[in-house]
């Protein structure tokens, strides 16, 4: 059986390129094309999309490490 670190590293190698795409200029431009004002609007909208139509308080709970009110400021238009 492979050591867990080997499996963890392999999972990272498979998943990291997907995460990296979300920080590309193409994605940022596409979010702006649909009405997002800046990077952070698109960031929160894209990351919170799996939550569906959730109020800012729910999205803030999911992104607990951001300052109070920061999520609500950016998620408003999403």
PDB file of N, CA and C in Angstrom:
ATOM      1  N   UNK A   1       0.842  -1.188   0.000  1.00  0.00           N
ATOM      2  CA  UNK A   1       0.000   0.000   0.000  1.00  0.00           C
ATOM      3  C   UNK A   1       0.886   1.249   0.000  1.00  0.00           C
ATOM      4  N   UNK A   2       0.536   2.204  -0.843  1.00  0.00           N
ATOM      5  CA  UNK A   2       1.314   3.432  -0.936  1.00  0.00           C
ATOM      6  C   UNK A   2       1.150   4.264   0.333  1.00  0.00           C
ATOM      7  N   UNK A   3       2.182   4.972   0.670  1.00  0.00           N
ATOM      8  CA  UNK A   3       2.131   5.861   1.821  1.00  0.00           C
ATOM      9  C   UNK A   3       1.089   6.945   1.552  1.00  0.00           C
ATOM     10  N   UNK A   4       0.307   7.350   2.563  1.00  0.00           N
ATOM     11  CA  UNK A   4      -0.725   8.376   2.355  1.00  0.00           C
ATOM     12  C   UNK A   4      -0.188   9.661   1.730  1.00  0.00           C
ATOM     13  N   UNK A   5       1.060  10.039   2.033  1.00  0.00           N
ATOM     14  CA  UNK A   5       1.604  11.270   1.447  1.00  0.00           C
ATOM     15  C   UNK A   5       1.687  11.171  -0.068  1.00  0.00           C
ATOM     16  N   UNK A   6       1.983   9.993  -0.563  1.00  0.00           N
ATOM     17  CA  UNK A   6       2.049   9.798  -2.009  1.00  0.00           C
ATOM     18  C   UNK A   6       0.663  10.004  -2.610  1.00  0.00           C
ATOM     19  N   UNK A   7      -0.350   9.477  -1.971  1.00  0.00           N
ATOM     20  CA  UNK A   7      -1.722   9.637  -2.452  1.00  0.00           C
ATOM     21  C   UNK A   7      -2.172  11.098  -2.360  1.00  0.00           C
ATOM     22  N   UNK A   8      -1.813  11.737  -1.279  1.00  0.00           N
ATOM     23  CA  UNK A   8      -2.177  13.145  -1.094  1.00  0.00           C
ATOM     24  C   UNK A   8      -1.512  13.994  -2.163  1.00  0.00           C
ATOM     25  N   UNK A   9      -0.255  13.755  -2.421  1.00  0.00           N
ATOM     26  CA  UNK A   9       0.464  14.522  -3.442  1.00  0.00           C
ATOM     27  C   UNK A   9      -0.163  14.302  -4.815  1.00  0.00           C
ATOM     28  N   UNK A  10      -0.542  13.063  -5.121  1.00  0.00           N
ATOM     29  CA  UNK A  10      -1.153  12.764  -6.416  1.00  0.00           C
ATOM     30  C   UNK A  10      -2.499  13.477  -6.542  1.00  0.00           C
ATOM     31  N   UNK A  11      -3.281  13.492  -5.476  1.00  0.00           N
ATOM     32  CA  UNK A  11      -4.565  14.192  -5.496  1.00  0.00           C
ATOM     33  C   UNK A  11      -4.348  15.685  -5.735  1.00  0.00           C
ATOM     34  N   UNK A  12      -3.362  16.249  -5.061  1.00  0.00           N
ATOM     35  CA  UNK A  12      -3.025  17.663  -5.266  1.00  0.00           C
ATOM     36  C   UNK A  12      -2.675  17.922  -6.728  1.00  0.00           C
ATOM     37  N   UNK A  13      -1.853  17.053  -7.323  1.00  0.00           N
ATOM     38  CA  UNK A  13      -1.449  17.230  -8.720  1.00  0.00           C
ATOM     39  C   UNK A  13      -2.643  17.172  -9.671  1.00  0.00           C
ATOM     40  N   UNK A  14      -3.650  16.379  -9.329  1.00  0.00           N
ATOM     41  CA  UNK A  14      -4.832  16.265 -10.182  1.00  0.00           C
ATOM     42  C   UNK A  14      -5.803  17.440 -10.011  1.00  0.00           C
ATOM     43  N   UNK A  15      -5.940  17.932  -8.801  1.00  0.00           N
ATOM     44  CA  UNK A  15      -6.945  18.959  -8.484  1.00  0.00           C
ATOM     45  C   UNK A  15      -6.419  20.383  -8.647  1.00  0.00           C
ATOM     46  N   UNK A  16      -5.175  20.640  -8.351  1.00  0.00           N
ATOM     47  CA  UNK A  16      -4.638  22.002  -8.374  1.00  0.00           C
ATOM     48  C   UNK A  16      -4.834  22.712  -9.716  1.00  0.00           C
ATOM     49  N   UNK A  17      -4.646  22.052 -10.861  1.00  0.00           N
ATOM     50  CA  UNK A  17      -4.885  22.768 -12.122  1.00  0.00           C
ATOM     51  C   UNK A  17      -6.317  23.278 -12.257  1.00  0.00           C
ATOM     52  N   UNK A  18      -7.259  22.573 -11.701  1.00  0.00           N
ATOM     53  CA  UNK A  18      -8.662  23.019 -11.757  1.00  0.00           C
ATOM     54  C   UNK A  18      -8.822  24.289 -10.927  1.00  0.00           C
ATOM     55  N   UNK A  19      -8.241  24.307  -9.746  1.00  0.00           N
ATOM     56  CA  UNK A  19      -8.329  25.489  -8.889  1.00  0.00           C
ATOM     57  C   UNK A  19      -7.620  26.675  -9.526  1.00  0.00           C
ATOM     58  N   UNK A  20      -6.515  26.430 -10.192  1.00  0.00           N
ATOM     59  CA  UNK A  20      -5.742  27.497 -10.813  1.00  0.00           C
ATOM     60  C   UNK A  20      -6.535  28.209 -11.897  1.00  0.00           C
ATOM     61  N   UNK A  21      -7.378  27.478 -12.607  1.00  0.00           N
ATOM     62  CA  UNK A  21      -8.191  28.076 -13.666  1.00  0.00           C
ATOM     63  C   UNK A  21      -9.050  29.201 -13.125  1.00  0.00           C
ATOM     64  N   UNK A  22      -9.552  29.065 -11.901  1.00  0.00           N
ATOM     65  CA  UNK A  22     -10.445  30.084 -11.356  1.00  0.00           C
ATOM     66  C   UNK A  22      -9.744  31.425 -11.136  1.00  0.00           C
ATOM     67  N   UNK A  23      -8.426  31.450 -11.210  1.00  0.00           N
ATOM     68  CA  UNK A  23      -7.680  32.699 -11.044  1.00  0.00           C
ATOM     69  C   UNK A  23      -7.097  33.202 -12.356  1.00  0.00           C
ATOM     70  N   UNK A  24      -7.604  32.707 -13.481  1.00  0.00           N
ATOM     71  CA  UNK A  24      -7.078  33.112 -14.776  1.00  0.00           C
ATOM     72  C   UNK A  24      -7.771  34.381 -15.280  1.00  0.00           C
ATOM     73  N   UNK A  25      -7.118  35.066 -16.197  1.00  0.00           N
ATOM     74  CA  UNK A  25      -7.689  36.288 -16.776  1.00  0.00           C
ATOM     75  C   UNK A  25      -8.966  35.996 -17.557  1.00  0.00           C
ATOM     76  N   UNK A  26      -9.022  34.828 -18.200  1.00  0.00           N
ATOM     77  CA  UNK A  26     -10.208  34.464 -18.981  1.00  0.00           C
ATOM     78  C   UNK A  26     -11.444  34.354 -18.096  1.00  0.00           C
ATOM     79  N   UNK A  27     -11.277  33.728 -16.953  1.00  0.00           N
ATOM     80  CA  UNK A  27     -12.400  33.580 -16.022  1.00  0.00           C
ATOM     81  C   UNK A  27     -12.805  34.936 -15.484  1.00  0.00           C
ATOM     82  N   UNK A  28     -11.830  35.762 -15.117  1.00  0.00           N
ATOM     83  CA  UNK A  28     -12.113  37.110 -14.616  1.00  0.00           C
ATOM     84  C   UNK A  28     -12.888  37.922 -15.654  1.00  0.00           C
ATOM     85  N   UNK A  29     -12.461  37.844 -16.903  1.00  0.00           N
ATOM     86  CA  UNK A  29     -13.137  38.555 -17.990  1.00  0.00           C
ATOM     87  C   UNK A  29     -14.562  38.036 -18.185  1.00  0.00           C
ATOM     88  N   UNK A  30     -14.742  36.716 -18.120  1.00  0.00           N
ATOM     89  CA  UNK A  30     -16.078  36.133 -18.286  1.00  0.00           C
ATOM     90  C   UNK A  30     -17.014  36.601 -17.174  1.00  0.00           C
ATOM     91  N   UNK A  31     -16.518  36.665 -15.945  1.00  0.00           N
ATOM     92  CA  UNK A  31     -17.348  37.174 -14.841  1.00  0.00           C
ATOM     93  C   UNK A  31     -17.717  38.636 -15.088  1.00  0.00           C
ATOM     94  N   UNK A  32     -16.779  39.427 -15.555  1.00  0.00           N
ATOM     95  CA  UNK A  32     -17.077  40.841 -15.857  1.00  0.00           C
ATOM     96  C   UNK A  32     -18.106  40.949 -16.980  1.00  0.00           C
ATOM     97  N   UNK A  33     -18.024  40.056 -17.963  1.00  0.00           N
ATOM     98  CA  UNK A  33     -18.986  40.057 -19.072  1.00  0.00           C
ATOM     99  C   UNK A  33     -20.421  39.795 -18.617  1.00  0.00           C
ATOM    100  N   UNK A  34     -20.586  39.110 -17.490  1.00  0.00           N
ATOM    101  CA  UNK A  34     -21.940  38.836 -16.995  1.00  0.00           C
ATOM    102  C   UNK A  34     -22.339  39.764 -15.852  1.00  0.00           C
ATOM    103  N   UNK A  35     -21.547  40.831 -15.658  1.00  0.00           N
ATOM    104  CA  UNK A  35     -21.970  41.860 -14.715  1.00  0.00           C
ATOM    105  C   UNK A  35     -21.213  41.963 -13.406  1.00  0.00           C
ATOM    106  N   UNK A  36     -20.228  41.129 -13.182  1.00  0.00           N
ATOM    107  CA  UNK A  36     -19.440  41.270 -11.959  1.00  0.00           C
ATOM    108  C   UNK A  36     -18.556  42.502 -12.104  1.00  0.00           C
ATOM    109  N   UNK A  37     -18.431  43.278 -11.041  1.00  0.00           N
ATOM    110  CA  UNK A  37     -17.695  44.541 -11.106  1.00  0.00           C
ATOM    111  C   UNK A  37     -16.191  44.370 -11.040  1.00  0.00           C
ATOM    112  N   UNK A  38     -15.733  43.355 -10.319  1.00  0.00           N
ATOM    113  CA  UNK A  38     -14.293  43.179 -10.149  1.00  0.00           C
ATOM    114  C   UNK A  38     -13.977  41.722  -9.828  1.00  0.00           C
ATOM    115  N   UNK A  39     -12.702  41.452  -9.603  1.00  0.00           N
ATOM    116  CA  UNK A  39     -12.258  40.088  -9.319  1.00  0.00           C
ATOM    117  C   UNK A  39     -13.010  39.476  -8.150  1.00  0.00           C
ATOM    118  N   UNK A  40     -13.156  40.229  -7.064  1.00  0.00           N
ATOM    119  CA  UNK A  40     -13.749  39.675  -5.848  1.00  0.00           C
ATOM    120  C   UNK A  40     -15.226  39.340  -6.020  1.00  0.00           C
ATOM    121  N   UNK A  41     -15.951  40.118  -6.800  1.00  0.00           N
ATOM    122  CA  UNK A  41     -17.347  39.759  -7.099  1.00  0.00           C
ATOM    123  C   UNK A  41     -17.389  38.384  -7.759  1.00  0.00           C
ATOM    124  N   UNK A  42     -16.546  38.194  -8.769  1.00  0.00           N
ATOM    125  CA  UNK A  42     -16.497  36.917  -9.469  1.00  0.00           C
ATOM    126  C   UNK A  42     -15.989  35.786  -8.597  1.00  0.00           C
ATOM    127  N   UNK A  43     -15.015  36.088  -7.759  1.00  0.00           N
ATOM    128  CA  UNK A  43     -14.456  35.083  -6.856  1.00  0.00           C
ATOM    129  C   UNK A  43     -15.543  34.523  -5.941  1.00  0.00           C
ATOM    130  N   UNK A  44     -16.235  35.403  -5.252  1.00  0.00           N
ATOM    131  CA  UNK A  44     -17.266  34.937  -4.323  1.00  0.00           C
ATOM    132  C   UNK A  44     -18.443  34.297  -5.053  1.00  0.00           C
ATOM    133  N   UNK A  45     -18.850  34.866  -6.176  1.00  0.00           N
ATOM    134  CA  UNK A  45     -19.965  34.294  -6.941  1.00  0.00           C
ATOM    135  C   UNK A  45     -19.617  32.889  -7.431  1.00  0.00           C
ATOM    136  N   UNK A  46     -18.433  32.740  -7.976  1.00  0.00           N
ATOM    137  CA  UNK A  46     -18.019  31.441  -8.489  1.00  0.00           C
ATOM    138  C   UNK A  46     -17.835  30.408  -7.400  1.00  0.00           C
ATOM    139  N   UNK A  47     -17.196  30.801  -6.320  1.00  0.00           N
ATOM    140  CA  UNK A  47     -16.953  29.853  -5.225  1.00  0.00           C
ATOM    141  C   UNK A  47     -18.227  29.508  -4.483  1.00  0.00           C
ATOM    142  N   UNK A  48     -19.194  30.444  -4.420  1.00  0.00           N
ATOM    143  CA  UNK A  48     -20.437  30.198  -3.683  1.00  0.00           C
ATOM    144  C   UNK A  48     -21.525  29.578  -4.552  1.00  0.00           C
ATOM    145  N   UNK A  49     -21.312  29.499  -5.861  1.00  0.00           N
ATOM    146  CA  UNK A  49     -22.346  28.985  -6.768  1.00  0.00           C
ATOM    147  C   UNK A  49     -22.924  27.635  -6.349  1.00  0.00           C
ATOM    148  N   UNK A  50     -22.124  26.691  -5.849  1.00  0.00           N
ATOM    149  CA  UNK A  50     -22.711  25.410  -5.446  1.00  0.00           C
ATOM    150  C   UNK A  50     -23.730  25.521  -4.307  1.00  0.00           C
ATOM    151  N   UNK A  51     -23.728  26.656  -3.607  1.00  0.00           N
ATOM    152  CA  UNK A  51     -24.699  26.847  -2.520  1.00  0.00           C
ATOM    153  C   UNK A  51     -26.080  27.213  -3.052  1.00  0.00           C
ATOM    154  N   UNK A  52     -26.173  27.570  -4.324  1.00  0.00           N
ATOM    155  CA  UNK A  52     -27.454  27.992  -4.896  1.00  0.00           C
ATOM    156  C   UNK A  52     -27.796  29.400  -4.442  1.00  0.00           C
ATOM    157  N   UNK A  53     -29.084  29.695  -4.395  1.00  0.00           N
ATOM    158  CA  UNK A  53     -29.528  31.030  -3.970  1.00  0.00           C
ATOM    159  C   UNK A  53     -29.460  31.125  -2.449  1.00  0.00           C
ATOM    160  N   UNK A  54     -28.291  31.430  -1.970  1.00  0.00           N
ATOM    161  CA  UNK A  54     -28.067  31.519  -0.527  1.00  0.00           C
ATOM    162  C   UNK A  54     -27.867  32.975  -0.132  1.00  0.00           C
ATOM    163  N   UNK A  55     -28.395  33.366   1.028  1.00  0.00           N
ATOM    164  CA  UNK A  55     -28.172  34.750   1.484  1.00  0.00           C
ATOM    165  C   UNK A  55     -26.708  34.963   1.847  1.00  0.00           C
ATOM    166  N   UNK A  56     -26.313  36.220   1.875  1.00  0.00           N
ATOM    167  CA  UNK A  56     -24.922  36.573   2.166  1.00  0.00           C
ATOM    168  C   UNK A  56     -24.437  35.980   3.487  1.00  0.00           C
ATOM    169  N   UNK A  57     -25.325  35.858   4.460  1.00  0.00           N
ATOM    170  CA  UNK A  57     -24.925  35.307   5.762  1.00  0.00           C
ATOM    171  C   UNK A  57     -24.454  33.857   5.630  1.00  0.00           C
ATOM    172  N   UNK A  58     -25.115  33.101   4.777  1.00  0.00           N
ATOM    173  CA  UNK A  58     -24.733  31.700   4.561  1.00  0.00           C
ATOM    174  C   UNK A  58     -23.394  31.633   3.837  1.00  0.00           C
ATOM    175  N   UNK A  59     -23.238  32.480   2.828  1.00  0.00           N
ATOM    176  CA  UNK A  59     -21.979  32.502   2.083  1.00  0.00           C
ATOM    177  C   UNK A  59     -20.848  32.950   3.009  1.00  0.00           C
ATOM    178  N   UNK A  60     -21.113  33.936   3.847  1.00  0.00           N
ATOM    179  CA  UNK A  60     -20.102  34.387   4.803  1.00  0.00           C
ATOM    180  C   UNK A  60     -19.693  33.245   5.727  1.00  0.00           C
ATOM    181  N   UNK A  61     -20.635  32.448   6.168  1.00  0.00           N
ATOM    182  CA  UNK A  61     -20.319  31.315   7.039  1.00  0.00           C
ATOM    183  C   UNK A  61     -19.394  30.329   6.323  1.00  0.00           C
ATOM    184  N   UNK A  62     -19.603  30.153   5.020  1.00  0.00           N
ATOM    185  CA  UNK A  62     -18.748  29.252   4.254  1.00  0.00           C
ATOM    186  C   UNK A  62     -17.352  29.837   4.063  1.00  0.00           C
ATOM    187  N   UNK A  63     -17.260  31.180   4.009  1.00  0.00           N
ATOM    188  CA  UNK A  63     -15.982  31.871   3.832  1.00  0.00           C
ATOM    189  C   UNK A  63     -15.633  32.608   5.124  1.00  0.00           C
ATOM    190  N   UNK A  64     -15.624  31.885   6.215  1.00  0.00           N
ATOM    191  CA  UNK A  64     -15.501  32.476   7.546  1.00  0.00           C
ATOM    192  C   UNK A  64     -14.226  33.273   7.767  1.00  0.00           C
ATOM    193  N   UNK A  65     -13.202  33.073   6.945  1.00  0.00           N
ATOM    194  CA  UNK A  65     -11.936  33.761   7.200  1.00  0.00           C
ATOM    195  C   UNK A  65     -11.880  35.175   6.633  1.00  0.00           C
ATOM    196  N   UNK A  66     -12.956  35.616   5.966  1.00  0.00           N
ATOM    197  CA  UNK A  66     -12.995  36.982   5.440  1.00  0.00           C
ATOM    198  C   UNK A  66     -13.632  37.912   6.475  1.00  0.00           C
ATOM    199  N   UNK A  67     -13.264  39.178   6.412  1.00  0.00           N
ATOM    200  CA  UNK A  67     -13.772  40.169   7.356  1.00  0.00           C
ATOM    201  C   UNK A  67     -15.293  40.268   7.276  1.00  0.00           C
ATOM    202  N   UNK A  68     -15.893  40.563   8.383  1.00  0.00           N
ATOM    203  CA  UNK A  68     -17.348  40.748   8.467  1.00  0.00           C
ATOM    204  C   UNK A  68     -17.794  41.770   7.425  1.00  0.00           C
ATOM    205  N   UNK A  69     -18.768  41.436   6.633  1.00  0.00           N
ATOM    206  CA  UNK A  69     -19.311  42.336   5.626  1.00  0.00           C
ATOM    207  C   UNK A  69     -18.644  42.250   4.275  1.00  0.00           C
ATOM    208  N   UNK A  70     -17.465  41.670   4.203  1.00  0.00           N
ATOM    209  CA  UNK A  70     -16.737  41.588   2.928  1.00  0.00           C
ATOM    210  C   UNK A  70     -17.485  40.720   1.924  1.00  0.00           C
ATOM    211  N   UNK A  71     -17.958  39.586   2.346  1.00  0.00           N
ATOM    212  CA  UNK A  71     -18.701  38.689   1.450  1.00  0.00           C
ATOM    213  C   UNK A  71     -19.980  39.384   0.973  1.00  0.00           C
ATOM    214  N   UNK A  72     -20.719  39.970   1.887  1.00  0.00           N
ATOM    215  CA  UNK A  72     -21.990  40.629   1.525  1.00  0.00           C
ATOM    216  C   UNK A  72     -21.763  41.747   0.511  1.00  0.00           C
ATOM    217  N   UNK A  73     -20.654  42.440   0.638  1.00  0.00           N
ATOM    218  CA  UNK A  73     -20.354  43.533  -0.276  1.00  0.00           C
ATOM    219  C   UNK A  73     -20.160  43.034  -1.703  1.00  0.00           C
ATOM    220  N   UNK A  74     -19.591  41.846  -1.853  1.00  0.00           N
ATOM    221  CA  UNK A  74     -19.279  41.325  -3.176  1.00  0.00           C
ATOM    222  C   UNK A  74     -20.326  40.359  -3.722  1.00  0.00           C
ATOM    223  N   UNK A  75     -21.086  39.742  -2.862  1.00  0.00           N
ATOM    224  CA  UNK A  75     -22.036  38.727  -3.309  1.00  0.00           C
ATOM    225  C   UNK A  75     -23.379  39.353  -3.699  1.00  0.00           C
ATOM    226  N   UNK A  76     -23.562  40.602  -3.386  1.00  0.00           N
ATOM    227  CA  UNK A  76     -24.833  41.307  -3.611  1.00  0.00           C
ATOM    228  C   UNK A  76     -25.362  41.134  -5.042  1.00  0.00           C
ATOM    229  N   UNK A  77     -24.515  41.311  -6.051  1.00  0.00           N
ATOM    230  CA  UNK A  77     -24.969  41.252  -7.423  1.00  0.00           C
ATOM    231  C   UNK A  77     -25.017  39.862  -8.019  1.00  0.00           C
ATOM    232  N   UNK A  78     -24.577  38.888  -7.274  1.00  0.00           N
ATOM    233  CA  UNK A  78     -24.480  37.536  -7.865  1.00  0.00           C
ATOM    234  C   UNK A  78     -25.792  36.826  -7.854  1.00  0.00           C
TER     235      UNK A  78
END
